């Protein structure tokens, strides 16, 4: 019986060490994923706050607010309207292909 314990003890210690290291790596990955999700949520909320403040600043200074500043320059020319902004198919449009 004493020889069985001496035979199993190093293997049991090695197995315990391997399981401990594996759990450490898994929990570390889980914590890193949680940190990445938290940082992305903070960036999303900050982006929305910045967008609102820019919109209020533009409206307060008498400027026309557009989420894409390049599209507001195209409103005066009907042939250069983006397809997403076109509702009717009545007038032909030039579609730029990049």
PDB file of N, CA and C in Angstrom:
ATOM      1  N   UNK A   1       0.822  -1.190   0.000  1.00  0.00           N
ATOM      2  CA  UNK A   1       0.000   0.000   0.000  1.00  0.00           C
ATOM      3  C   UNK A   1       0.866   1.253   0.000  1.00  0.00           C
ATOM      4  N   UNK A   2       1.977   1.199   0.755  1.00  0.00           N
ATOM      5  CA  UNK A   2       2.867   2.344   0.830  1.00  0.00           C
ATOM      6  C   UNK A   2       3.495   2.611  -0.537  1.00  0.00           C
ATOM      7  N   UNK A   3       3.792   1.570  -1.296  1.00  0.00           N
ATOM      8  CA  UNK A   3       4.394   1.745  -2.610  1.00  0.00           C
ATOM      9  C   UNK A   3       3.404   2.340  -3.612  1.00  0.00           C
ATOM     10  N   UNK A   4       2.119   2.011  -3.459  1.00  0.00           N
ATOM     11  CA  UNK A   4       1.094   2.578  -4.345  1.00  0.00           C
ATOM     12  C   UNK A   4       0.986   4.096  -4.134  1.00  0.00           C
ATOM     13  N   UNK A   5       0.999   4.523  -2.892  1.00  0.00           N
ATOM     14  CA  UNK A   5       0.896   5.955  -2.588  1.00  0.00           C
ATOM     15  C   UNK A   5       2.123   6.695  -3.110  1.00  0.00           C
ATOM     16  N   UNK A   6       3.292   6.124  -2.896  1.00  0.00           N
ATOM     17  CA  UNK A   6       4.509   6.774  -3.391  1.00  0.00           C
ATOM     18  C   UNK A   6       4.553   6.790  -4.919  1.00  0.00           C
ATOM     19  N   UNK A   7       3.899   5.817  -5.562  1.00  0.00           N
ATOM     20  CA  UNK A   7       3.842   5.770  -7.011  1.00  0.00           C
ATOM     21  C   UNK A   7       2.851   6.798  -7.555  1.00  0.00           C
ATOM     22  N   UNK A   8       1.708   7.001  -6.875  1.00  0.00           N
ATOM     23  CA  UNK A   8       0.647   7.884  -7.357  1.00  0.00           C
ATOM     24  C   UNK A   8       0.867   9.348  -6.980  1.00  0.00           C
ATOM     25  N   UNK A   9       1.565   9.622  -5.890  1.00  0.00           N
ATOM     26  CA  UNK A   9       1.710  10.981  -5.393  1.00  0.00           C
ATOM     27  C   UNK A   9       2.357  11.946  -6.396  1.00  0.00           C
ATOM     28  N   UNK A  10       3.464  11.629  -7.047  1.00  0.00           N
ATOM     29  CA  UNK A  10       4.024  12.585  -8.015  1.00  0.00           C
ATOM     30  C   UNK A  10       3.117  12.810  -9.223  1.00  0.00           C
ATOM     31  N   UNK A  11       2.438  11.765  -9.650  1.00  0.00           N
ATOM     32  CA  UNK A  11       1.522  11.909 -10.783  1.00  0.00           C
ATOM     33  C   UNK A  11       0.315  12.768 -10.402  1.00  0.00           C
ATOM     34  N   UNK A  12      -0.174  12.584  -9.210  1.00  0.00           N
ATOM     35  CA  UNK A  12      -1.293  13.394  -8.722  1.00  0.00           C
ATOM     36  C   UNK A  12      -0.888  14.867  -8.585  1.00  0.00           C
ATOM     37  N   UNK A  13       0.314  15.102  -8.099  1.00  0.00           N
ATOM     38  CA  UNK A  13       0.801  16.489  -7.982  1.00  0.00           C
ATOM     39  C   UNK A  13       0.976  17.113  -9.368  1.00  0.00           C
ATOM     40  N   UNK A  14       1.491  16.348 -10.319  1.00  0.00           N
ATOM     41  CA  UNK A  14       1.654  16.865 -11.682  1.00  0.00           C
ATOM     42  C   UNK A  14       0.322  17.154 -12.340  1.00  0.00           C
ATOM     43  N   UNK A  15      -0.643  16.267 -12.154  1.00  0.00           N
ATOM     44  CA  UNK A  15      -1.973  16.474 -12.711  1.00  0.00           C
ATOM     45  C   UNK A  15      -2.643  17.697 -12.088  1.00  0.00           C
ATOM     46  N   UNK A  16      -2.487  17.875 -10.798  1.00  0.00           N
ATOM     47  CA  UNK A  16      -3.037  19.047 -10.117  1.00  0.00           C
ATOM     48  C   UNK A  16      -2.409  20.334 -10.648  1.00  0.00           C
ATOM     49  N   UNK A  17      -1.117  20.318 -10.881  1.00  0.00           N
ATOM     50  CA  UNK A  17      -0.425  21.479 -11.430  1.00  0.00           C
ATOM     51  C   UNK A  17      -0.907  21.799 -12.840  1.00  0.00           C
ATOM     52  N   UNK A  18      -1.086  20.786 -13.672  1.00  0.00           N
ATOM     53  CA  UNK A  18      -1.578  21.004 -15.034  1.00  0.00           C
ATOM     54  C   UNK A  18      -3.003  21.564 -15.047  1.00  0.00           C
ATOM     55  N   UNK A  19      -3.851  21.028 -14.199  1.00  0.00           N
ATOM     56  CA  UNK A  19      -5.230  21.522 -14.119  1.00  0.00           C
ATOM     57  C   UNK A  19      -5.246  22.964 -13.607  1.00  0.00           C
ATOM     58  N   UNK A  20      -4.408  23.270 -12.643  1.00  0.00           N
ATOM     59  CA  UNK A  20      -4.321  24.639 -12.129  1.00  0.00           C
ATOM     60  C   UNK A  20      -3.852  25.614 -13.188  1.00  0.00           C
ATOM     61  N   UNK A  21      -2.843  25.239 -13.951  1.00  0.00           N
ATOM     62  CA  UNK A  21      -2.361  26.124 -15.028  1.00  0.00           C
ATOM     63  C   UNK A  21      -3.408  26.302 -16.120  1.00  0.00           C
ATOM     64  N   UNK A  22      -4.104  25.218 -16.473  1.00  0.00           N
ATOM     65  CA  UNK A  22      -5.149  25.305 -17.488  1.00  0.00           C
ATOM     66  C   UNK A  22      -6.281  26.228 -17.036  1.00  0.00           C
ATOM     67  N   UNK A  23      -6.691  26.115 -15.799  1.00  0.00           N
ATOM     68  CA  UNK A  23      -7.754  26.983 -15.296  1.00  0.00           C
ATOM     69  C   UNK A  23      -7.283  28.439 -15.217  1.00  0.00           C
ATOM     70  N   UNK A  24      -6.022  28.644 -14.874  1.00  0.00           N
ATOM     71  CA  UNK A  24      -5.484  30.003 -14.844  1.00  0.00           C
ATOM     72  C   UNK A  24      -5.535  30.637 -16.232  1.00  0.00           C
ATOM     73  N   UNK A  25      -5.152  29.887 -17.252  1.00  0.00           N
ATOM     74  CA  UNK A  25      -5.173  30.410 -18.622  1.00  0.00           C
ATOM     75  C   UNK A  25      -6.602  30.689 -19.070  1.00  0.00           C
ATOM     76  N   UNK A  26      -7.531  29.767 -18.783  1.00  0.00           N
ATOM     77  CA  UNK A  26      -8.918  29.976 -19.190  1.00  0.00           C
ATOM     78  C   UNK A  26      -9.540  31.194 -18.500  1.00  0.00           C
ATOM     79  N   UNK A  27      -9.320  31.333 -17.217  1.00  0.00           N
ATOM     80  CA  UNK A  27      -9.871  32.484 -16.507  1.00  0.00           C
ATOM     81  C   UNK A  27      -9.212  33.782 -16.958  1.00  0.00           C
ATOM     82  N   UNK A  28      -7.946  33.743 -17.303  1.00  0.00           N
ATOM     83  CA  UNK A  28      -7.272  34.932 -17.825  1.00  0.00           C
ATOM     84  C   UNK A  28      -7.870  35.346 -19.168  1.00  0.00           C
ATOM     85  N   UNK A  29      -8.122  34.374 -20.040  1.00  0.00           N
ATOM     86  CA  UNK A  29      -8.764  34.686 -21.315  1.00  0.00           C
ATOM     87  C   UNK A  29     -10.163  35.244 -21.110  1.00  0.00           C
ATOM     88  N   UNK A  30     -10.905  34.675 -20.189  1.00  0.00           N
ATOM     89  CA  UNK A  30     -12.249  35.168 -19.892  1.00  0.00           C
ATOM     90  C   UNK A  30     -12.210  36.605 -19.391  1.00  0.00           C
ATOM     91  N   UNK A  31     -11.263  36.907 -18.511  1.00  0.00           N
ATOM     92  CA  UNK A  31     -11.148  38.265 -17.989  1.00  0.00           C
ATOM     93  C   UNK A  31     -10.721  39.246 -19.083  1.00  0.00           C
ATOM     94  N   UNK A  32      -9.844  38.812 -19.987  1.00  0.00           N
ATOM     95  CA  UNK A  32      -9.448  39.676 -21.094  1.00  0.00           C
ATOM     96  C   UNK A  32     -10.621  39.944 -22.032  1.00  0.00           C
ATOM     97  N   UNK A  33     -11.453  38.945 -22.251  1.00  0.00           N
ATOM     98  CA  UNK A  33     -12.637  39.156 -23.086  1.00  0.00           C
ATOM     99  C   UNK A  33     -13.602  40.124 -22.420  1.00  0.00           C
ATOM    100  N   UNK A  34     -13.793  39.996 -21.121  1.00  0.00           N
ATOM    101  CA  UNK A  34     -14.649  40.942 -20.398  1.00  0.00           C
ATOM    102  C   UNK A  34     -14.087  42.355 -20.452  1.00  0.00           C
ATOM    103  N   UNK A  35     -12.770  42.483 -20.346  1.00  0.00           N
ATOM    104  CA  UNK A  35     -12.139  43.793 -20.437  1.00  0.00           C
ATOM    105  C   UNK A  35     -12.335  44.395 -21.829  1.00  0.00           C
ATOM    106  N   UNK A  36     -12.206  43.584 -22.873  1.00  0.00           N
ATOM    107  CA  UNK A  36     -12.406  44.077 -24.233  1.00  0.00           C
ATOM    108  C   UNK A  36     -13.848  44.524 -24.448  1.00  0.00           C
ATOM    109  N   UNK A  37     -14.807  43.781 -23.920  1.00  0.00           N
ATOM    110  CA  UNK A  37     -16.210  44.180 -24.041  1.00  0.00           C
ATOM    111  C   UNK A  37     -16.458  45.479 -23.285  1.00  0.00           C
ATOM    112  N   UNK A  38     -15.891  45.609 -22.105  1.00  0.00           N
ATOM    113  CA  UNK A  38     -16.053  46.847 -21.326  1.00  0.00           C
ATOM    114  C   UNK A  38     -15.456  48.050 -22.027  1.00  0.00           C
ATOM    115  N   UNK A  39     -14.280  47.892 -22.596  1.00  0.00           N
ATOM    116  CA  UNK A  39     -13.649  49.009 -23.306  1.00  0.00           C
ATOM    117  C   UNK A  39     -14.462  49.389 -24.534  1.00  0.00           C
ATOM    118  N   UNK A  40     -14.997  48.400 -25.253  1.00  0.00           N
ATOM    119  CA  UNK A  40     -15.795  48.721 -26.432  1.00  0.00           C
ATOM    120  C   UNK A  40     -17.106  49.413 -26.051  1.00  0.00           C
ATOM    121  N   UNK A  41     -17.700  49.020 -24.949  1.00  0.00           N
ATOM    122  CA  UNK A  41     -18.912  49.711 -24.495  1.00  0.00           C
ATOM    123  C   UNK A  41     -18.617  51.148 -24.087  1.00  0.00           C
ATOM    124  N   UNK A  42     -17.506  51.361 -23.415  1.00  0.00           N
ATOM    125  CA  UNK A  42     -17.123  52.726 -23.039  1.00  0.00           C
ATOM    126  C   UNK A  42     -16.875  53.571 -24.289  1.00  0.00           C
ATOM    127  N   UNK A  43     -16.206  52.991 -25.294  1.00  0.00           N
ATOM    128  CA  UNK A  43     -15.954  53.719 -26.542  1.00  0.00           C
ATOM    129  C   UNK A  43     -17.256  54.025 -27.270  1.00  0.00           C
ATOM    130  N   UNK A  44     -18.210  53.100 -27.255  1.00  0.00           N
ATOM    131  CA  UNK A  44     -19.494  53.323 -27.900  1.00  0.00           C
ATOM    132  C   UNK A  44     -20.257  54.454 -27.225  1.00  0.00           C
ATOM    133  N   UNK A  45     -20.304  54.442 -25.916  1.00  0.00           N
ATOM    134  CA  UNK A  45     -21.012  55.491 -25.176  1.00  0.00           C
ATOM    135  C   UNK A  45     -20.322  56.845 -25.372  1.00  0.00           C
ATOM    136  N   UNK A  46     -18.991  56.857 -25.342  1.00  0.00           N
ATOM    137  CA  UNK A  46     -18.265  58.113 -25.562  1.00  0.00           C
ATOM    138  C   UNK A  46     -18.518  58.641 -26.958  1.00  0.00           C
ATOM    139  N   UNK A  47     -18.572  57.769 -27.955  1.00  0.00           N
ATOM    140  CA  UNK A  47     -18.846  58.199 -29.325  1.00  0.00           C
ATOM    141  C   UNK A  47     -20.221  58.824 -29.456  1.00  0.00           C
ATOM    142  N   UNK A  48     -21.221  58.233 -28.786  1.00  0.00           N
ATOM    143  CA  UNK A  48     -22.569  58.803 -28.838  1.00  0.00           C
ATOM    144  C   UNK A  48     -22.612  60.167 -28.150  1.00  0.00           C
ATOM    145  N   UNK A  49     -21.914  60.291 -27.030  1.00  0.00           N
ATOM    146  CA  UNK A  49     -21.891  61.579 -26.328  1.00  0.00           C
ATOM    147  C   UNK A  49     -21.200  62.634 -27.183  1.00  0.00           C
ATOM    148  N   UNK A  50     -20.087  62.276 -27.811  1.00  0.00           N
ATOM    149  CA  UNK A  50     -19.370  63.225 -28.668  1.00  0.00           C
ATOM    150  C   UNK A  50     -20.228  63.631 -29.852  1.00  0.00           C
ATOM    151  N   UNK A  51     -20.966  62.682 -30.436  1.00  0.00           N
ATOM    152  CA  UNK A  51     -21.843  63.001 -31.567  1.00  0.00           C
ATOM    153  C   UNK A  51     -22.921  63.995 -31.157  1.00  0.00           C
ATOM    154  N   UNK A  52     -23.513  63.767 -29.977  1.00  0.00           N
ATOM    155  CA  UNK A  52     -24.566  64.678 -29.517  1.00  0.00           C
ATOM    156  C   UNK A  52     -24.016  66.077 -29.253  1.00  0.00           C
ATOM    157  N   UNK A  53     -22.833  66.157 -28.639  1.00  0.00           N
ATOM    158  CA  UNK A  53     -22.272  67.484 -28.362  1.00  0.00           C
ATOM    159  C   UNK A  53     -21.895  68.200 -29.653  1.00  0.00           C
ATOM    160  N   UNK A  54     -21.369  67.486 -30.647  1.00  0.00           N
ATOM    161  CA  UNK A  54     -21.056  68.118 -31.933  1.00  0.00           C
ATOM    162  C   UNK A  54     -22.319  68.590 -32.632  1.00  0.00           C
ATOM    163  N   UNK A  55     -23.379  67.792 -32.534  1.00  0.00           N
ATOM    164  CA  UNK A  55     -24.633  68.184 -33.164  1.00  0.00           C
ATOM    165  C   UNK A  55     -25.211  69.425 -32.487  1.00  0.00           C
ATOM    166  N   UNK A  56     -25.175  69.472 -31.158  1.00  0.00           N
ATOM    167  CA  UNK A  56     -25.678  70.659 -30.449  1.00  0.00           C
ATOM    168  C   UNK A  56     -24.829  71.880 -30.767  1.00  0.00           C
ATOM    169  N   UNK A  57     -23.511  71.703 -30.866  1.00  0.00           N
ATOM    170  CA  UNK A  57     -22.628  72.819 -31.181  1.00  0.00           C
ATOM    171  C   UNK A  57     -22.903  73.330 -32.594  1.00  0.00           C
ATOM    172  N   UNK A  58     -23.099  72.430 -33.542  1.00  0.00           N
ATOM    173  CA  UNK A  58     -23.359  72.840 -34.922  1.00  0.00           C
ATOM    174  C   UNK A  58     -24.697  73.558 -35.031  1.00  0.00           C
ATOM    175  N   UNK A  59     -25.720  73.060 -34.356  1.00  0.00           N
ATOM    176  CA  UNK A  59     -27.022  73.714 -34.399  1.00  0.00           C
ATOM    177  C   UNK A  59     -26.985  75.049 -33.673  1.00  0.00           C
ATOM    178  N   UNK A  60     -26.211  75.145 -32.601  1.00  0.00           N
ATOM    179  CA  UNK A  60     -26.098  76.399 -31.864  1.00  0.00           C
ATOM    180  C   UNK A  60     -25.367  77.475 -32.650  1.00  0.00           C
ATOM    181  N   UNK A  61     -24.474  77.097 -33.529  1.00  0.00           N
ATOM    182  CA  UNK A  61     -23.732  78.059 -34.341  1.00  0.00           C
ATOM    183  C   UNK A  61     -24.351  78.268 -35.714  1.00  0.00           C
ATOM    184  N   UNK A  62     -25.556  77.775 -35.932  1.00  0.00           N
ATOM    185  CA  UNK A  62     -26.263  78.009 -37.185  1.00  0.00           C
ATOM    186  C   UNK A  62     -25.755  77.161 -38.339  1.00  0.00           C
ATOM    187  N   UNK A  63     -25.120  76.074 -38.056  1.00  0.00           N
ATOM    188  CA  UNK A  63     -24.632  75.196 -39.117  1.00  0.00           C
ATOM    189  C   UNK A  63     -25.594  74.028 -39.297  1.00  0.00           C
ATOM    190  N   UNK A  64     -25.613  73.489 -40.515  1.00  0.00           N
ATOM    191  CA  UNK A  64     -26.454  72.333 -40.775  1.00  0.00           C
ATOM    192  C   UNK A  64     -25.707  71.076 -40.347  1.00  0.00           C
ATOM    193  N   UNK A  65     -26.344  70.280 -39.499  1.00  0.00           N
ATOM    194  CA  UNK A  65     -25.682  69.073 -39.009  1.00  0.00           C
ATOM    195  C   UNK A  65     -25.973  67.910 -39.947  1.00  0.00           C
ATOM    196  N   UNK A  66     -24.924  67.171 -40.264  1.00  0.00           N
ATOM    197  CA  UNK A  66     -25.055  65.947 -41.036  1.00  0.00           C
ATOM    198  C   UNK A  66     -24.072  64.944 -40.447  1.00  0.00           C
ATOM    199  N   UNK A  67     -24.517  63.689 -40.320  1.00  0.00           N
ATOM    200  CA  UNK A  67     -23.620  62.671 -39.787  1.00  0.00           C
ATOM    201  C   UNK A  67     -22.419  62.478 -40.703  1.00  0.00           C
ATOM    202  N   UNK A  68     -22.636  62.627 -42.002  1.00  0.00           N
ATOM    203  CA  UNK A  68     -21.551  62.559 -42.976  1.00  0.00           C
ATOM    204  C   UNK A  68     -21.415  63.945 -43.603  1.00  0.00           C
ATOM    205  N   UNK A  69     -20.367  64.705 -43.292  1.00  0.00           N
ATOM    206  CA  UNK A  69     -20.277  66.081 -43.779  1.00  0.00           C
ATOM    207  C   UNK A  69     -20.117  66.171 -45.292  1.00  0.00           C
ATOM    208  N   UNK A  70     -19.727  65.103 -45.946  1.00  0.00           N
ATOM    209  CA  UNK A  70     -19.544  65.160 -47.393  1.00  0.00           C
ATOM    210  C   UNK A  70     -20.860  65.060 -48.138  1.00  0.00           C
ATOM    211  N   UNK A  71     -21.879  64.466 -47.542  1.00  0.00           N
ATOM    212  CA  UNK A  71     -23.160  64.331 -48.214  1.00  0.00           C
ATOM    213  C   UNK A  71     -23.922  65.644 -48.269  1.00  0.00           C
ATOM    214  N   UNK A  72     -23.742  66.539 -47.295  1.00  0.00           N
ATOM    215  CA  UNK A  72     -24.504  67.787 -47.315  1.00  0.00           C
ATOM    216  C   UNK A  72     -24.042  68.691 -48.443  1.00  0.00           C
ATOM    217  N   UNK A  73     -22.818  68.494 -48.942  1.00  0.00           N
ATOM    218  CA  UNK A  73     -22.362  69.285 -50.069  1.00  0.00           C
ATOM    219  C   UNK A  73     -22.996  68.822 -51.373  1.00  0.00           C
ATOM    220  N   UNK A  74     -23.528  67.620 -51.408  1.00  0.00           N
ATOM    221  CA  UNK A  74     -24.086  67.058 -52.628  1.00  0.00           C
ATOM    222  C   UNK A  74     -25.575  67.358 -52.798  1.00  0.00           C
ATOM    223  N   UNK A  75     -26.230  67.955 -51.815  1.00  0.00           N
ATOM    224  CA  UNK A  75     -27.673  68.160 -51.886  1.00  0.00           C
ATOM    225  C   UNK A  75     -28.066  69.178 -52.950  1.00  0.00           C
ATOM    226  N   UNK A  76     -27.196  70.060 -53.332  1.00  0.00           N
ATOM    227  CA  UNK A  76     -27.566  71.067 -54.324  1.00  0.00           C
ATOM    228  C   UNK A  76     -27.576  70.515 -55.737  1.00  0.00           C
ATOM    229  N   UNK A  77     -26.913  69.413 -56.010  1.00  0.00           N
ATOM    230  CA  UNK A  77     -26.845  68.829 -57.340  1.00  0.00           C
ATOM    231  C   UNK A  77     -27.631  67.522 -57.334  1.00  0.00           C
ATOM    232  N   UNK A  78     -28.743  67.490 -58.082  1.00  0.00           N
ATOM    233  CA  UNK A  78     -29.624  66.328 -58.016  1.00  0.00           C
ATOM    234  C   UNK A  78     -29.024  65.096 -58.692  1.00  0.00           C
ATOM    235  N   UNK A  79     -28.050  65.261 -59.584  1.00  0.00           N
ATOM    236  CA  UNK A  79     -27.491  64.090 -60.260  1.00  0.00           C
ATOM    237  C   UNK A  79     -26.474  63.361 -59.402  1.00  0.00           C
ATOM    238  N   UNK A  80     -26.011  63.976 -58.321  1.00  0.00           N
ATOM    239  CA  UNK A  80     -25.000  63.343 -57.479  1.00  0.00           C
ATOM    240  C   UNK A  80     -25.555  62.881 -56.137  1.00  0.00           C
ATOM    241  N   UNK A  81     -26.863  62.646 -56.078  1.00  0.00           N
ATOM    242  CA  UNK A  81     -27.458  62.163 -54.838  1.00  0.00           C
ATOM    243  C   UNK A  81     -27.036  60.716 -54.586  1.00  0.00           C
ATOM    244  N   UNK A  82     -26.727  60.360 -53.349  1.00  0.00           N
ATOM    245  CA  UNK A  82     -26.398  58.956 -53.063  1.00  0.00           C
ATOM    246  C   UNK A  82     -27.623  58.070 -53.234  1.00  0.00           C
ATOM    247  N   UNK A  83     -27.389  56.812 -53.548  1.00  0.00           N
ATOM    248  CA  UNK A  83     -28.500  55.894 -53.791  1.00  0.00           C
ATOM    249  C   UNK A  83     -29.305  55.673 -52.522  1.00  0.00           C
ATOM    250  N   UNK A  84     -28.646  55.644 -51.372  1.00  0.00           N
ATOM    251  CA  UNK A  84     -29.350  55.426 -50.104  1.00  0.00           C
ATOM    252  C   UNK A  84     -30.330  56.552 -49.835  1.00  0.00           C
ATOM    253  N   UNK A  85     -30.038  57.768 -50.314  1.00  0.00           N
ATOM    254  CA  UNK A  85     -30.920  58.898 -50.091  1.00  0.00           C
ATOM    255  C   UNK A  85     -32.004  59.011 -51.139  1.00  0.00           C
ATOM    256  N   UNK A  86     -31.913  58.284 -52.222  1.00  0.00           N
ATOM    257  CA  UNK A  86     -32.905  58.344 -53.286  1.00  0.00           C
ATOM    258  C   UNK A  86     -34.078  57.435 -52.951  1.00  0.00           C
ATOM    259  N   UNK A  87     -35.278  57.991 -52.962  1.00  0.00           N
ATOM    260  CA  UNK A  87     -36.470  57.195 -52.713  1.00  0.00           C
ATOM    261  C   UNK A  87     -37.190  56.872 -54.024  1.00  0.00           C
ATOM    262  N   UNK A  88     -37.195  57.797 -54.949  1.00  0.00           N
ATOM    263  CA  UNK A  88     -37.913  57.574 -56.201  1.00  0.00           C
ATOM    264  C   UNK A  88     -36.931  57.229 -57.313  1.00  0.00           C
ATOM    265  N   UNK A  89     -37.410  56.482 -58.287  1.00  0.00           N
ATOM    266  CA  UNK A  89     -36.588  56.080 -59.416  1.00  0.00           C
ATOM    267  C   UNK A  89     -36.864  56.953 -60.636  1.00  0.00           C
ATOM    268  N   UNK A  90     -37.581  58.076 -60.466  1.00  0.00           N
ATOM    269  CA  UNK A  90     -37.990  58.913 -61.587  1.00  0.00           C
ATOM    270  C   UNK A  90     -36.839  59.642 -62.273  1.00  0.00           C
ATOM    271  N   UNK A  91     -35.903  60.194 -61.540  1.00  0.00           N
ATOM    272  CA  UNK A  91     -34.821  60.968 -62.146  1.00  0.00           C
ATOM    273  C   UNK A  91     -33.557  60.126 -62.218  1.00  0.00           C
ATOM    274  N   UNK A  92     -32.863  60.206 -63.339  1.00  0.00           N
ATOM    275  CA  UNK A  92     -31.615  59.435 -63.445  1.00  0.00           C
ATOM    276  C   UNK A  92     -30.525  60.046 -62.557  1.00  0.00           C
ATOM    277  N   UNK A  93     -29.627  59.216 -62.103  1.00  0.00           N
ATOM    278  CA  UNK A  93     -28.549  59.671 -61.238  1.00  0.00           C
ATOM    279  C   UNK A  93     -27.229  59.108 -61.724  1.00  0.00           C
ATOM    280  N   UNK A  94     -26.170  59.874 -61.559  1.00  0.00           N
ATOM    281  CA  UNK A  94     -24.830  59.391 -61.855  1.00  0.00           C
ATOM    282  C   UNK A  94     -24.307  58.673 -60.615  1.00  0.00           C
ATOM    283  N   UNK A  95     -23.930  57.431 -60.765  1.00  0.00           N
ATOM    284  CA  UNK A  95     -23.478  56.641 -59.626  1.00  0.00           C
ATOM    285  C   UNK A  95     -21.973  56.496 -59.729  1.00  0.00           C
ATOM    286  N   UNK A  96     -21.210  57.122 -58.824  1.00  0.00           N
ATOM    287  CA  UNK A  96     -19.762  56.976 -58.890  1.00  0.00           C
ATOM    288  C   UNK A  96     -19.332  55.598 -58.395  1.00  0.00           C
ATOM    289  N   UNK A  97     -18.433  54.982 -59.139  1.00  0.00           N
ATOM    290  CA  UNK A  97     -17.898  53.673 -58.769  1.00  0.00           C
ATOM    291  C   UNK A  97     -16.424  53.855 -58.472  1.00  0.00           C
ATOM    292  N   UNK A  98     -16.043  53.515 -57.257  1.00  0.00           N
ATOM    293  CA  UNK A  98     -14.645  53.700 -56.838  1.00  0.00           C
ATOM    294  C   UNK A  98     -13.883  52.428 -57.000  1.00  0.00           C
TER     295      UNK A  98
END
